[in-house]
Amino acid sequence: MTNAAIALIEQRVSANLFDACHTLTDAEIEELTRLATRAPTAYNLQNWRFIALRTPEAKARLRQLAYGQAKVSDAAVTFIICGLLPNHAAIPERLRPFIEAGHMPGDTAMGWQEGARAQYADPRTARDEAVRSASLGAGTLIHAAEALGLASCPMVGFDAEGVEREFGLGPDEVPVMLVAIGRAAPGNWPQKPRRPLTEVLEIA
């Protein structure tokens, strides 16, 4: 018997064609995002933001900044996945319920806070972490969509500075990728071939 999670990974495709008549409710979008936030982040920072564009007007604004790609507006929802520059001061609050439940000593959280402060003092390292967190969230969002019977497509073809201006991103937010989600229309390609493990895997 095939494991269901493995089957989802095997069958997932990056859809280019979406049913433009299909819509998602607020509750469905919230569930997709809830599942996406189960992705890991360093120090449990959860340093991401998901901007879900569902109205034709909002998607049209984004489509102009994504070089006219039709899937931005044809998909039921297109997410702007933002990574946030790590804020070490947020760590105690992020961990507070975990500490209160008895899973972690409070002094461990303080140690994490100091570790994050030192680690992300370098701006490039901080930006790398923002991109990592957003990418992990986007990947989990894609598989959540597949699990809920929806098609998805990650997209990096967009004007990042334009997105920052048009959608009011803060100075600590990095627009890492777009993810279009909806019902697939006929004509999408199957999953494209992958390189053999002999080319990509080294076991030491």
C-alpha atoms as a PDB file:
ATOM      1  CA  MET A   1       0.000   0.000   0.000  1.00  0.00           C
ATOM      2  CA  THR A   2       1.362   3.428  -0.971  1.00  0.00           C
ATOM      3  CA  ASN A   3       1.759   5.934   1.846  1.00  0.00           C
ATOM      4  CA  ALA A   4      -0.659   8.826   1.245  1.00  0.00           C
ATOM      5  CA  ALA A   5       1.923  11.538   1.932  1.00  0.00           C
ATOM      6  CA  ILE A   6       4.399   9.931  -0.465  1.00  0.00           C
ATOM      7  CA  ALA A   7       1.683   9.645  -3.104  1.00  0.00           C
ATOM      8  CA  LEU A   8       1.047  13.394  -2.845  1.00  0.00           C
ATOM      9  CA  ILE A   9       4.740  14.129  -3.375  1.00  0.00           C
ATOM     10  CA  GLU A  10       4.867  11.788  -6.355  1.00  0.00           C
ATOM     11  CA  GLN A  11       1.775  13.220  -8.055  1.00  0.00           C
ATOM     12  CA  ARG A  12       2.280  16.947  -7.425  1.00  0.00           C
ATOM     13  CA  VAL A  13       2.762  19.122 -10.496  1.00  0.00           C
ATOM     14  CA  SER A  14       3.401  22.819 -11.009  1.00  0.00           C
ATOM     15  CA  ALA A  15       0.161  23.754 -12.726  1.00  0.00           C
ATOM     16  CA  ASN A  16       0.231  26.408 -15.408  1.00  0.00           C
ATOM     17  CA  LEU A  17      -3.491  26.277 -16.225  1.00  0.00           C
ATOM     18  CA  PHE A  18      -6.214  26.977 -13.656  1.00  0.00           C
ATOM     19  CA  ASP A  19     -10.018  27.021 -13.764  1.00  0.00           C
ATOM     20  CA  ALA A  20     -10.730  30.752 -13.585  1.00  0.00           C
ATOM     21  CA  CYS A  21     -14.289  30.085 -12.347  1.00  0.00           C
ATOM     22  CA  HIS A  22     -13.148  28.240  -9.241  1.00  0.00           C
ATOM     23  CA  THR A  23     -13.122  30.125  -5.937  1.00  0.00           C
ATOM     24  CA  LEU A  24     -11.989  29.450  -2.384  1.00  0.00           C
ATOM     25  CA  THR A  25     -13.714  30.617   0.784  1.00  0.00           C
ATOM     26  CA  ASP A  26     -12.022  32.521   3.598  1.00  0.00           C
ATOM     27  CA  ALA A  27     -12.140  29.325   5.666  1.00  0.00           C
ATOM     28  CA  GLU A  28     -10.389  27.324   2.937  1.00  0.00           C
ATOM     29  CA  ILE A  29      -7.676  29.958   2.570  1.00  0.00           C
ATOM     30  CA  GLU A  30      -7.238  30.056   6.337  1.00  0.00           C
ATOM     31  CA  GLU A  31      -6.869  26.276   6.465  1.00  0.00           C
ATOM     32  CA  LEU A  32      -4.230  26.309   3.735  1.00  0.00           C
ATOM     33  CA  THR A  33      -2.295  28.958   5.654  1.00  0.00           C
ATOM     34  CA  ARG A  34      -2.709  27.164   8.982  1.00  0.00           C
ATOM     35  CA  LEU A  35      -1.161  24.063   7.474  1.00  0.00           C
ATOM     36  CA  ALA A  36       1.636  26.084   5.847  1.00  0.00           C
ATOM     37  CA  THR A  37       2.623  27.487   9.232  1.00  0.00           C
ATOM     38  CA  ARG A  38       3.385  23.959  10.442  1.00  0.00           C
ATOM     39  CA  ALA A  39       6.654  24.271   8.519  1.00  0.00           C
ATOM     40  CA  PRO A  40       9.832  24.565  10.618  1.00  0.00           C
ATOM     41  CA  THR A  41      11.664  27.822  11.320  1.00  0.00           C
ATOM     42  CA  ALA A  42      14.905  28.486  13.174  1.00  0.00           C
ATOM     43  CA  TYR A  43      14.339  29.237  16.882  1.00  0.00           C
ATOM     44  CA  ASN A  44      10.589  28.875  16.189  1.00  0.00           C
ATOM     45  CA  LEU A  45      10.722  32.446  14.844  1.00  0.00           C
ATOM     46  CA  GLN A  46       7.818  31.832  12.426  1.00  0.00           C
ATOM     47  CA  ASN A  47       9.211  34.780  10.481  1.00  0.00           C
ATOM     48  CA  TRP A  48       6.838  34.803   7.534  1.00  0.00           C
ATOM     49  CA  ARG A  49       3.671  36.448   6.252  1.00  0.00           C
ATOM     50  CA  PHE A  50       1.165  35.088   3.757  1.00  0.00           C
ATOM     51  CA  ILE A  51      -0.714  37.653   1.657  1.00  0.00           C
ATOM     52  CA  ALA A  52      -3.639  35.866  -0.028  1.00  0.00           C
ATOM     53  CA  LEU A  53      -5.004  37.654  -3.088  1.00  0.00           C
ATOM     54  CA  ARG A  54      -8.463  36.420  -3.976  1.00  0.00           C
ATOM     55  CA  THR A  55     -10.369  39.335  -5.510  1.00  0.00           C
ATOM     56  CA  PRO A  56     -10.035  39.978  -9.258  1.00  0.00           C
ATOM     57  CA  GLU A  57      -8.803  43.498  -8.501  1.00  0.00           C
ATOM     58  CA  ALA A  58      -6.004  42.392  -6.184  1.00  0.00           C
ATOM     59  CA  LYS A  59      -4.912  39.599  -8.504  1.00  0.00           C
ATOM     60  CA  ALA A  60      -4.898  42.008 -11.467  1.00  0.00           C
ATOM     61  CA  ARG A  61      -2.543  44.327  -9.577  1.00  0.00           C
ATOM     62  CA  LEU A  62      -0.197  41.440  -8.917  1.00  0.00           C
ATOM     63  CA  ARG A  63      -0.450  40.099 -12.463  1.00  0.00           C
ATOM     64  CA  GLN A  64       0.935  43.375 -13.793  1.00  0.00           C
ATOM     65  CA  LEU A  65       3.966  42.863 -11.553  1.00  0.00           C
ATOM     66  CA  ALA A  66       4.314  39.188 -12.573  1.00  0.00           C
ATOM     67  CA  TYR A  67       4.890  39.981 -16.247  1.00  0.00           C
ATOM     68  CA  GLY A  68       1.287  39.278 -17.203  1.00  0.00           C
ATOM     69  CA  GLN A  69       1.251  35.597 -16.207  1.00  0.00           C
ATOM     70  CA  ALA A  70      -2.369  34.475 -16.507  1.00  0.00           C
ATOM     71  CA  LYS A  71      -2.186  31.952 -13.665  1.00  0.00           C
ATOM     72  CA  VAL A  72      -1.864  34.803 -11.159  1.00  0.00           C
ATOM     73  CA  SER A  73      -5.428  35.868 -11.903  1.00  0.00           C
ATOM     74  CA  ASP A  74      -6.878  32.539 -13.073  1.00  0.00           C
ATOM     75  CA  ALA A  75      -6.012  30.688  -9.838  1.00  0.00           C
ATOM     76  CA  ALA A  76      -8.583  30.894  -7.057  1.00  0.00           C
ATOM     77  CA  VAL A  77      -5.980  32.535  -4.810  1.00  0.00           C
ATOM     78  CA  THR A  78      -2.417  33.672  -5.346  1.00  0.00           C
ATOM     79  CA  PHE A  79      -0.250  34.037  -2.273  1.00  0.00           C
ATOM     80  CA  ILE A  80       2.637  36.424  -1.837  1.00  0.00           C
ATOM     81  CA  ILE A  81       4.956  34.556   0.517  1.00  0.00           C
ATOM     82  CA  CYS A  82       7.041  36.990   2.551  1.00  0.00           C
ATOM     83  CA  GLY A  83      10.007  36.174   4.738  1.00  0.00           C
ATOM     84  CA  LEU A  84      10.579  38.457   7.708  1.00  0.00           C
ATOM     85  CA  LEU A  85      14.045  39.445   8.851  1.00  0.00           C
ATOM     86  CA  PRO A  86      14.612  37.559  12.136  1.00  0.00           C
ATOM     87  CA  ASN A  87      13.616  39.485  15.272  1.00  0.00           C
ATOM     88  CA  HIS A  88      15.328  37.865  18.249  1.00  0.00           C
ATOM     89  CA  ALA A  89      13.186  39.904  20.655  1.00  0.00           C
ATOM     90  CA  ALA A  90      10.095  37.967  19.511  1.00  0.00           C
ATOM     91  CA  ILE A  91      11.432  34.566  20.583  1.00  0.00           C
ATOM     92  CA  PRO A  92      10.205  34.566  24.231  1.00  0.00           C
ATOM     93  CA  GLU A  93       6.651  35.321  23.089  1.00  0.00           C
ATOM     94  CA  ARG A  94       6.801  32.748  20.287  1.00  0.00           C
ATOM     95  CA  LEU A  95       7.860  30.116  22.827  1.00  0.00           C
ATOM     96  CA  ARG A  96       5.693  31.209  25.760  1.00  0.00           C
ATOM     97  CA  PRO A  97       2.885  28.629  25.255  1.00  0.00           C
ATOM     98  CA  PHE A  98       5.524  25.912  24.867  1.00  0.00           C
ATOM     99  CA  ILE A  99       7.195  26.956  28.122  1.00  0.00           C
ATOM    100  CA  GLU A 100       3.875  27.244  29.950  1.00  0.00           C
ATOM    101  CA  ALA A 101       3.007  23.709  28.840  1.00  0.00           C
ATOM    102  CA  GLY A 102       6.181  22.479  30.515  1.00  0.00           C
ATOM    103  CA  HIS A 103       8.033  21.446  27.364  1.00  0.00           C
ATOM    104  CA  MET A 104      10.919  23.909  27.692  1.00  0.00           C
ATOM    105  CA  PRO A 105      12.612  25.750  30.576  1.00  0.00           C
ATOM    106  CA  GLY A 106      12.387  29.524  30.404  1.00  0.00           C
ATOM    107  CA  ASP A 107      16.151  29.920  30.518  1.00  0.00           C
ATOM    108  CA  THR A 108      16.437  27.834  27.346  1.00  0.00           C
ATOM    109  CA  ALA A 109      14.249  30.343  25.542  1.00  0.00           C
ATOM    110  CA  MET A 110      16.468  33.163  26.779  1.00  0.00           C
ATOM    111  CA  GLY A 111      19.487  31.270  25.446  1.00  0.00           C
ATOM    112  CA  TRP A 112      17.791  30.924  22.075  1.00  0.00           C
ATOM    113  CA  GLN A 113      17.070  34.649  22.064  1.00  0.00           C
ATOM    114  CA  GLU A 114      20.715  35.494  22.623  1.00  0.00           C
ATOM    115  CA  GLY A 115      21.806  32.935  20.046  1.00  0.00           C
ATOM    116  CA  ALA A 116      19.511  34.442  17.422  1.00  0.00           C
ATOM    117  CA  ARG A 117      20.674  37.976  18.256  1.00  0.00           C
ATOM    118  CA  ALA A 118      24.278  36.981  17.606  1.00  0.00           C
ATOM    119  CA  GLN A 119      23.553  34.791  14.584  1.00  0.00           C
ATOM    120  CA  TYR A 120      21.517  37.355  12.654  1.00  0.00           C
ATOM    121  CA  ALA A 121      23.579  40.450  13.388  1.00  0.00           C
ATOM    122  CA  ASP A 122      24.954  40.141   9.861  1.00  0.00           C
ATOM    123  CA  PRO A 123      22.332  41.539   7.411  1.00  0.00           C
ATOM    124  CA  ARG A 124      23.068  38.932   4.756  1.00  0.00           C
ATOM    125  CA  THR A 125      22.616  36.083   7.228  1.00  0.00           C
ATOM    126  CA  ALA A 126      19.353  37.650   8.399  1.00  0.00           C
ATOM    127  CA  ARG A 127      18.047  37.932   4.840  1.00  0.00           C
ATOM    128  CA  ASP A 128      19.077  34.340   4.099  1.00  0.00           C
ATOM    129  CA  GLU A 129      17.020  33.203   7.100  1.00  0.00           C
ATOM    130  CA  ALA A 130      13.998  35.183   5.895  1.00  0.00           C
ATOM    131  CA  VAL A 131      14.238  33.481   2.507  1.00  0.00           C
ATOM    132  CA  ARG A 132      14.653  30.045   4.111  1.00  0.00           C
ATOM    133  CA  SER A 133      11.602  30.458   6.328  1.00  0.00           C
ATOM    134  CA  ALA A 134       9.417  31.720   3.496  1.00  0.00           C
ATOM    135  CA  SER A 135      10.586  28.889   1.249  1.00  0.00           C
ATOM    136  CA  LEU A 136       9.795  26.243   3.871  1.00  0.00           C
ATOM    137  CA  GLY A 137       6.356  27.801   4.368  1.00  0.00           C
ATOM    138  CA  ALA A 138       5.736  27.898   0.619  1.00  0.00           C
ATOM    139  CA  GLY A 139       6.744  24.260   0.202  1.00  0.00           C
ATOM    140  CA  THR A 140       4.405  23.183   2.977  1.00  0.00           C
ATOM    141  CA  LEU A 141       1.616  25.320   1.474  1.00  0.00           C
ATOM    142  CA  ILE A 142       2.072  23.563  -1.880  1.00  0.00           C
ATOM    143  CA  HIS A 143       1.732  20.112  -0.325  1.00  0.00           C
ATOM    144  CA  ALA A 144      -1.212  21.252   1.812  1.00  0.00           C
ATOM    145  CA  ALA A 145      -2.960  22.315  -1.393  1.00  0.00           C
ATOM    146  CA  GLU A 146      -2.244  18.927  -2.968  1.00  0.00           C
ATOM    147  CA  ALA A 147      -3.629  17.160   0.120  1.00  0.00           C
ATOM    148  CA  LEU A 148      -6.832  19.205  -0.178  1.00  0.00           C
ATOM    149  CA  GLY A 149      -7.296  18.292  -3.845  1.00  0.00           C
ATOM    150  CA  LEU A 150      -6.009  21.575  -5.245  1.00  0.00           C
ATOM    151  CA  ALA A 151      -3.357  22.403  -7.823  1.00  0.00           C
ATOM    152  CA  SER A 152      -0.555  24.857  -7.181  1.00  0.00           C
ATOM    153  CA  CYS A 153       2.358  26.602  -8.826  1.00  0.00           C
ATOM    154  CA  PRO A 154       5.284  28.372  -7.153  1.00  0.00           C
ATOM    155  CA  MET A 155       6.449  31.449  -9.070  1.00  0.00           C
ATOM    156  CA  VAL A 156       9.585  33.574  -8.882  1.00  0.00           C
ATOM    157  CA  GLY A 157       8.929  35.595 -12.043  1.00  0.00           C
ATOM    158  CA  PHE A 158       7.803  38.907 -10.562  1.00  0.00           C
ATOM    159  CA  ASP A 159       9.039  42.427  -9.830  1.00  0.00           C
ATOM    160  CA  ALA A 160       9.950  42.164  -6.148  1.00  0.00           C
ATOM    161  CA  GLU A 161      10.415  45.897  -5.622  1.00  0.00           C
ATOM    162  CA  GLY A 162       7.106  46.544  -7.343  1.00  0.00           C
ATOM    163  CA  VAL A 163       5.366  44.041  -5.062  1.00  0.00           C
ATOM    164  CA  GLU A 164       6.905  45.711  -2.015  1.00  0.00           C
ATOM    165  CA  ARG A 165       5.507  49.079  -3.112  1.00  0.00           C
ATOM    166  CA  GLU A 166       2.111  47.950  -4.411  1.00  0.00           C
ATOM    167  CA  PHE A 167       1.234  45.790  -1.414  1.00  0.00           C
ATOM    168  CA  GLY A 168       2.794  47.911   1.326  1.00  0.00           C
ATOM    169  CA  LEU A 169       5.430  45.499   2.570  1.00  0.00           C
ATOM    170  CA  GLY A 170       7.451  46.633   5.554  1.00  0.00           C
ATOM    171  CA  PRO A 171      11.225  47.200   5.550  1.00  0.00           C
ATOM    172  CA  ASP A 172      11.701  43.868   7.329  1.00  0.00           C
ATOM    173  CA  GLU A 173       9.682  41.870   4.746  1.00  0.00           C
ATOM    174  CA  VAL A 174      11.141  40.091   1.710  1.00  0.00           C
ATOM    175  CA  PRO A 175       8.737  38.914  -1.038  1.00  0.00           C
ATOM    176  CA  VAL A 176      10.288  35.508  -1.716  1.00  0.00           C
ATOM    177  CA  MET A 177       7.834  33.836  -4.076  1.00  0.00           C
ATOM    178  CA  LEU A 178       4.273  33.675  -5.300  1.00  0.00           C
ATOM    179  CA  VAL A 179       2.162  30.525  -5.010  1.00  0.00           C
ATOM    180  CA  ALA A 180      -0.958  30.217  -7.175  1.00  0.00           C
ATOM    181  CA  ILE A 181      -3.552  27.738  -5.884  1.00  0.00           C
ATOM    182  CA  GLY A 182      -6.856  26.597  -7.322  1.00  0.00           C
ATOM    183  CA  ARG A 183      -8.551  23.936  -9.411  1.00  0.00           C
ATOM    184  CA  ALA A 184      -6.456  22.713 -12.331  1.00  0.00           C
ATOM    185  CA  ALA A 185      -7.823  23.259 -15.833  1.00  0.00           C
ATOM    186  CA  PRO A 186      -7.319  20.636 -18.564  1.00  0.00           C
ATOM    187  CA  GLY A 187      -4.015  20.666 -20.397  1.00  0.00           C
ATOM    188  CA  ASN A 188      -1.440  20.774 -17.598  1.00  0.00           C
ATOM    189  CA  TRP A 189       1.714  18.722 -18.048  1.00  0.00           C
ATOM    190  CA  PRO A 190       2.398  15.775 -15.745  1.00  0.00           C
ATOM    191  CA  GLN A 191       5.302  16.013 -13.323  1.00  0.00           C
ATOM    192  CA  LYS A 192       8.477  16.589 -15.314  1.00  0.00           C
ATOM    193  CA  PRO A 193      11.358  14.081 -15.074  1.00  0.00           C
ATOM    194  CA  ARG A 194      13.844  14.322 -12.225  1.00  0.00           C
ATOM    195  CA  ARG A 195      17.605  13.866 -12.390  1.00  0.00           C
ATOM    196  CA  PRO A 196      18.863  10.434 -11.287  1.00  0.00           C
ATOM    197  CA  LEU A 197      20.037  10.067  -7.716  1.00  0.00           C
ATOM    198  CA  THR A 198      23.532   9.286  -8.974  1.00  0.00           C
ATOM    199  CA  GLU A 199      23.793  12.936 -10.007  1.00  0.00           C
ATOM    200  CA  VAL A 200      22.327  14.562  -6.901  1.00  0.00           C
ATOM    201  CA  LEU A 201      23.073  12.282  -3.936  1.00  0.00           C
ATOM    202  CA  GLU A 202      26.319  11.729  -2.059  1.00  0.00           C
ATOM    203  CA  ILE A 203      26.325   9.439   0.960  1.00  0.00           C
ATOM    204  CA  ALA A 204      29.366   9.925   3.185  1.00  0.00           C
END
